[in-house]
Amino acid sequence: MESQMKKQLIFAGMLAVAISPLSFADHNHSLAFSAGAFEAFDSDQRATEIGIEYRFAPIESVFNLIPTVGLNINDDGAYWASAGVRYDYGVGTNWILTPNFAFVGYEDGAGLDLGLGLEFRTGLDLAYKLTDSSRLALGIYHMSNADLADDNPGSESVILTYSFDL
């Protein structure tokens, strides 16, 4: 029970930071839906993953970082909530490269035990702008506890994401 309470407090703190007043600017917020493979490079542990992420408008006063909050699940019963930041880097007329980082509250369900309820996610997306307000992206991310626990197997996901401005 104590572990569950710690996870809820961590998630609440991350959510409060992500939706601070700094997050709101004169730009559009967006919503992203993703699907892909959790533990993508390990056929024994691979699971289907789906997620939803709310992307706030870029914070102009903080290098145009884009705060995010998200929820993901996989078909092994694992679920996680995240709060983080993204940064869009244009690499052509319609292409956008986006490194991202998030704090994650993770529950393994019947799936992969990542060693701790608190995880860190780092990733990279390559998106194509379908219109001025929508994108399709292929991404990869790594999630681990950064050796804060004795066990730190980590996990990689490969996902396809569709996002659109609200």
C-alpha atoms as a PDB file:
ATOM      1  CA  MET A   1       0.000   0.000   0.000  1.00  0.00           C
ATOM      2  CA  GLU A   2       2.828   2.404   0.822  1.00  0.00           C
ATOM      3  CA  SER A   3       4.354   1.827  -2.625  1.00  0.00           C
ATOM      4  CA  GLN A   4       1.043   2.673  -4.312  1.00  0.00           C
ATOM      5  CA  MET A   5       0.771   5.895  -2.309  1.00  0.00           C
ATOM      6  CA  LYS A   6       4.305   6.936  -3.323  1.00  0.00           C
ATOM      7  CA  LYS A   7       3.427   6.363  -6.990  1.00  0.00           C
ATOM      8  CA  GLN A   8       0.296   8.473  -6.686  1.00  0.00           C
ATOM      9  CA  LEU A   9       2.220  11.298  -5.009  1.00  0.00           C
ATOM     10  CA  ILE A  10       4.937  11.184  -7.669  1.00  0.00           C
ATOM     11  CA  PHE A  11       2.338  11.293 -10.451  1.00  0.00           C
ATOM     12  CA  ALA A  12       0.444  14.160  -8.806  1.00  0.00           C
ATOM     13  CA  GLY A  13       3.659  16.171  -8.475  1.00  0.00           C
ATOM     14  CA  MET A  14       4.637  15.565 -12.095  1.00  0.00           C
ATOM     15  CA  LEU A  15       1.159  16.551 -13.272  1.00  0.00           C
ATOM     16  CA  ALA A  16       1.233  19.764 -11.227  1.00  0.00           C
ATOM     17  CA  VAL A  17       4.567  20.770 -12.764  1.00  0.00           C
ATOM     18  CA  ALA A  18       3.409  19.968 -16.293  1.00  0.00           C
ATOM     19  CA  ILE A  19       0.245  22.048 -16.110  1.00  0.00           C
ATOM     20  CA  SER A  20       1.775  25.069 -14.413  1.00  0.00           C
ATOM     21  CA  PRO A  21       0.776  28.506 -15.727  1.00  0.00           C
ATOM     22  CA  LEU A  22       4.048  28.656 -17.697  1.00  0.00           C
ATOM     23  CA  SER A  23       2.621  25.995 -20.007  1.00  0.00           C
ATOM     24  CA  PHE A  24       0.028  28.228 -21.603  1.00  0.00           C
ATOM     25  CA  ALA A  25       1.023  30.398 -24.559  1.00  0.00           C
ATOM     26  CA  ASP A  26      -0.583  31.738 -27.713  1.00  0.00           C
ATOM     27  CA  HIS A  27       0.024  28.454 -29.532  1.00  0.00           C
ATOM     28  CA  ASN A  28      -2.096  25.390 -29.990  1.00  0.00           C
ATOM     29  CA  HIS A  29      -2.076  22.493 -27.625  1.00  0.00           C
ATOM     30  CA  SER A  30      -2.204  19.038 -29.206  1.00  0.00           C
ATOM     31  CA  LEU A  31      -3.348  15.500 -28.553  1.00  0.00           C
ATOM     32  CA  ALA A  32      -1.380  12.431 -29.632  1.00  0.00           C
ATOM     33  CA  PHE A  33      -2.412   8.789 -29.961  1.00  0.00           C
ATOM     34  CA  SER A  34       0.256   6.101 -30.239  1.00  0.00           C
ATOM     35  CA  ALA A  35       0.501   2.366 -30.820  1.00  0.00           C
ATOM     36  CA  GLY A  36       3.499   0.109 -31.097  1.00  0.00           C
ATOM     37  CA  ALA A  37       5.708  -2.487 -29.486  1.00  0.00           C
ATOM     38  CA  PHE A  38       6.801  -2.386 -25.843  1.00  0.00           C
ATOM     39  CA  GLU A  39      10.086  -4.235 -25.255  1.00  0.00           C
ATOM     40  CA  ALA A  40      10.379  -4.077 -29.049  1.00  0.00           C
ATOM     41  CA  PHE A  41      13.781  -5.744 -29.331  1.00  0.00           C
ATOM     42  CA  ASP A  42      13.071  -8.743 -27.057  1.00  0.00           C
ATOM     43  CA  SER A  43      10.681 -11.219 -28.676  1.00  0.00           C
ATOM     44  CA  ASP A  44      10.195 -13.080 -25.350  1.00  0.00           C
ATOM     45  CA  GLN A  45       8.915  -9.964 -23.552  1.00  0.00           C
ATOM     46  CA  ARG A  46       7.344  -8.013 -26.455  1.00  0.00           C
ATOM     47  CA  ALA A  47       3.865  -6.593 -25.876  1.00  0.00           C
ATOM     48  CA  THR A  48       1.513  -4.301 -27.766  1.00  0.00           C
ATOM     49  CA  GLU A  49       1.476  -0.778 -26.366  1.00  0.00           C
ATOM     50  CA  ILE A  50      -1.041   2.032 -26.816  1.00  0.00           C
ATOM     51  CA  GLY A  51      -1.009   5.524 -25.379  1.00  0.00           C
ATOM     52  CA  ILE A  52      -2.430   8.997 -25.310  1.00  0.00           C
ATOM     53  CA  GLU A  53      -0.479  12.183 -24.634  1.00  0.00           C
ATOM     54  CA  TYR A  54      -1.569  15.767 -24.107  1.00  0.00           C
ATOM     55  CA  ARG A  55       1.008  18.230 -25.415  1.00  0.00           C
ATOM     56  CA  PHE A  56       0.812  21.753 -24.098  1.00  0.00           C
ATOM     57  CA  ALA A  57       1.794  24.773 -26.151  1.00  0.00           C
ATOM     58  CA  PRO A  58       5.541  25.471 -26.270  1.00  0.00           C
ATOM     59  CA  ILE A  59       6.851  27.620 -23.434  1.00  0.00           C
ATOM     60  CA  GLU A  60       8.483  30.487 -25.285  1.00  0.00           C
ATOM     61  CA  SER A  61      10.337  31.726 -22.198  1.00  0.00           C
ATOM     62  CA  VAL A  62      11.908  28.267 -21.674  1.00  0.00           C
ATOM     63  CA  PHE A  63      13.498  27.507 -25.063  1.00  0.00           C
ATOM     64  CA  ASN A  64      10.126  26.505 -26.601  1.00  0.00           C
ATOM     65  CA  LEU A  65      10.028  23.289 -24.571  1.00  0.00           C
ATOM     66  CA  ILE A  66       6.706  21.486 -24.906  1.00  0.00           C
ATOM     67  CA  PRO A  67       5.340  20.101 -21.600  1.00  0.00           C
ATOM     68  CA  THR A  68       3.480  16.787 -21.844  1.00  0.00           C
ATOM     69  CA  VAL A  69       1.386  14.416 -19.759  1.00  0.00           C
ATOM     70  CA  GLY A  70       0.467  10.946 -20.943  1.00  0.00           C
ATOM     71  CA  LEU A  71      -0.974   7.536 -20.155  1.00  0.00           C
ATOM     72  CA  ASN A  72       0.100   4.220 -21.680  1.00  0.00           C
ATOM     73  CA  ILE A  73      -0.900   0.574 -21.316  1.00  0.00           C
ATOM     74  CA  ASN A  74       0.283  -2.665 -22.810  1.00  0.00           C
ATOM     75  CA  ASP A  75      -1.363  -6.034 -23.281  1.00  0.00           C
ATOM     76  CA  ASP A  76       0.722  -7.570 -20.463  1.00  0.00           C
ATOM     77  CA  GLY A  77      -1.249  -5.476 -17.983  1.00  0.00           C
ATOM     78  CA  ALA A  78       1.446  -2.849 -17.423  1.00  0.00           C
ATOM     79  CA  TYR A  79       0.417   0.793 -17.318  1.00  0.00           C
ATOM     80  CA  TRP A  80       2.242   4.034 -16.779  1.00  0.00           C
ATOM     81  CA  ALA A  81       1.673   7.760 -16.492  1.00  0.00           C
ATOM     82  CA  SER A  82       4.254  10.282 -17.626  1.00  0.00           C
ATOM     83  CA  ALA A  83       5.035  13.968 -17.384  1.00  0.00           C
ATOM     84  CA  GLY A  84       7.825  15.450 -19.399  1.00  0.00           C
ATOM     85  CA  VAL A  85       9.039  17.756 -22.122  1.00  0.00           C
ATOM     86  CA  ARG A  86       9.619  17.643 -25.866  1.00  0.00           C
ATOM     87  CA  TYR A  87      11.497  19.908 -28.246  1.00  0.00           C
ATOM     88  CA  ASP A  88      10.597  20.204 -31.934  1.00  0.00           C
ATOM     89  CA  TYR A  89      13.480  20.671 -34.348  1.00  0.00           C
ATOM     90  CA  GLY A  90      12.526  21.286 -37.999  1.00  0.00           C
ATOM     91  CA  VAL A  91      14.673  19.306 -40.441  1.00  0.00           C
ATOM     92  CA  GLY A  92      12.988  20.350 -43.644  1.00  0.00           C
ATOM     93  CA  THR A  93       9.723  21.707 -44.927  1.00  0.00           C
ATOM     94  CA  ASN A  94       7.544  18.933 -43.506  1.00  0.00           C
ATOM     95  CA  TRP A  95       9.876  16.933 -41.247  1.00  0.00           C
ATOM     96  CA  ILE A  96      10.299  17.418 -37.498  1.00  0.00           C
ATOM     97  CA  LEU A  97      12.808  15.677 -35.220  1.00  0.00           C
ATOM     98  CA  THR A  98      11.718  15.651 -31.576  1.00  0.00           C
ATOM     99  CA  PRO A  99      13.860  14.526 -28.655  1.00  0.00           C
ATOM    100  CA  ASN A 100      11.817  13.977 -25.497  1.00  0.00           C
ATOM    101  CA  PHE A 101      12.216  13.199 -21.805  1.00  0.00           C
ATOM    102  CA  ALA A 102       9.690  12.241 -19.117  1.00  0.00           C
ATOM    103  CA  PHE A 103       9.346  11.074 -15.549  1.00  0.00           C
ATOM    104  CA  VAL A 104       7.199   7.940 -15.440  1.00  0.00           C
ATOM    105  CA  GLY A 105       5.101   6.266 -12.750  1.00  0.00           C
ATOM    106  CA  TYR A 106       5.141   2.580 -13.814  1.00  0.00           C
ATOM    107  CA  GLU A 107       3.120  -0.447 -12.699  1.00  0.00           C
ATOM    108  CA  ASP A 108       4.209  -3.732 -14.295  1.00  0.00           C
ATOM    109  CA  GLY A 109       0.950  -5.712 -14.037  1.00  0.00           C
ATOM    110  CA  ALA A 110       1.815  -9.193 -15.344  1.00  0.00           C
ATOM    111  CA  GLY A 111       4.512  -7.762 -17.610  1.00  0.00           C
ATOM    112  CA  LEU A 112       8.127  -6.718 -17.351  1.00  0.00           C
ATOM    113  CA  ASP A 113       9.302  -5.622 -13.899  1.00  0.00           C
ATOM    114  CA  LEU A 114      11.451  -2.539 -14.498  1.00  0.00           C
ATOM    115  CA  GLY A 115      12.736  -2.588 -10.915  1.00  0.00           C
ATOM    116  CA  LEU A 116      11.079   0.547  -9.538  1.00  0.00           C
ATOM    117  CA  GLY A 117       7.813   2.469  -9.758  1.00  0.00           C
ATOM    118  CA  LEU A 118       9.686   5.616 -10.802  1.00  0.00           C
ATOM    119  CA  GLU A 119      11.185   5.380 -14.281  1.00  0.00           C
ATOM    120  CA  PHE A 120      12.742   7.815 -16.733  1.00  0.00           C
ATOM    121  CA  ARG A 121      11.895   7.840 -20.428  1.00  0.00           C
ATOM    122  CA  THR A 122      14.102   9.282 -23.157  1.00  0.00           C
ATOM    123  CA  GLY A 123      13.179   9.136 -26.796  1.00  0.00           C
ATOM    124  CA  LEU A 124      13.322  10.494 -30.290  1.00  0.00           C
ATOM    125  CA  ASP A 125      10.516  10.943 -32.850  1.00  0.00           C
ATOM    126  CA  LEU A 126      10.715  11.692 -36.543  1.00  0.00           C
ATOM    127  CA  ALA A 127       7.437  13.222 -37.699  1.00  0.00           C
ATOM    128  CA  TYR A 128       5.983  14.194 -41.044  1.00  0.00           C
ATOM    129  CA  LYS A 129       3.561  17.138 -41.088  1.00  0.00           C
ATOM    130  CA  LEU A 130       0.414  15.909 -42.798  1.00  0.00           C
ATOM    131  CA  THR A 131      -1.193  19.358 -42.498  1.00  0.00           C
ATOM    132  CA  ASP A 132      -0.343  22.507 -40.549  1.00  0.00           C
ATOM    133  CA  SER A 133      -2.141  20.978 -37.561  1.00  0.00           C
ATOM    134  CA  SER A 134      -1.415  17.233 -37.749  1.00  0.00           C
ATOM    135  CA  ARG A 135       1.579  14.881 -37.843  1.00  0.00           C
ATOM    136  CA  LEU A 136       2.433  11.236 -38.206  1.00  0.00           C
ATOM    137  CA  ALA A 137       5.583  10.160 -36.346  1.00  0.00           C
ATOM    138  CA  LEU A 138       7.750   7.102 -35.872  1.00  0.00           C
ATOM    139  CA  GLY A 139       9.446   7.081 -32.498  1.00  0.00           C
ATOM    140  CA  ILE A 140      11.673   5.065 -30.254  1.00  0.00           C
ATOM    141  CA  TYR A 141      12.154   5.473 -26.541  1.00  0.00           C
ATOM    142  CA  HIS A 142      14.020   3.859 -23.684  1.00  0.00           C
ATOM    143  CA  MET A 143      12.490   3.577 -20.216  1.00  0.00           C
ATOM    144  CA  SER A 144      14.502   2.634 -17.130  1.00  0.00           C
ATOM    145  CA  ASN A 145      15.060   3.555 -13.508  1.00  0.00           C
ATOM    146  CA  ALA A 146      18.592   4.887 -14.186  1.00  0.00           C
ATOM    147  CA  ASP A 147      20.079   2.341 -11.756  1.00  0.00           C
ATOM    148  CA  LEU A 148      18.166   3.758  -8.771  1.00  0.00           C
ATOM    149  CA  ALA A 149      17.094   0.169  -7.990  1.00  0.00           C
ATOM    150  CA  ASP A 150      19.133  -3.030  -7.820  1.00  0.00           C
ATOM    151  CA  ASP A 151      17.250  -4.362 -10.849  1.00  0.00           C
ATOM    152  CA  ASN A 152      17.230  -2.129 -13.959  1.00  0.00           C
ATOM    153  CA  PRO A 153      16.414  -4.141 -17.089  1.00  0.00           C
ATOM    154  CA  GLY A 154      15.105  -1.145 -19.043  1.00  0.00           C
ATOM    155  CA  SER A 155      12.774  -1.365 -21.996  1.00  0.00           C
ATOM    156  CA  GLU A 156      12.664   0.007 -25.516  1.00  0.00           C
ATOM    157  CA  SER A 157       9.483   0.828 -27.392  1.00  0.00           C
ATOM    158  CA  VAL A 158       8.925   1.578 -31.061  1.00  0.00           C
ATOM    159  CA  ILE A 159       5.723   3.503 -31.673  1.00  0.00           C
ATOM    160  CA  LEU A 160       3.702   5.131 -34.422  1.00  0.00           C
ATOM    161  CA  THR A 161       1.987   8.351 -33.306  1.00  0.00           C
ATOM    162  CA  TYR A 162      -0.714  10.521 -34.833  1.00  0.00           C
ATOM    163  CA  SER A 163      -1.075  13.981 -33.296  1.00  0.00           C
ATOM    164  CA  PHE A 164      -3.296  16.951 -34.033  1.00  0.00           C
ATOM    165  CA  ASP A 165      -3.741  20.461 -32.696  1.00  0.00           C
ATOM    166  CA  LEU A 166      -6.745  21.219 -30.532  1.00  0.00           C
END
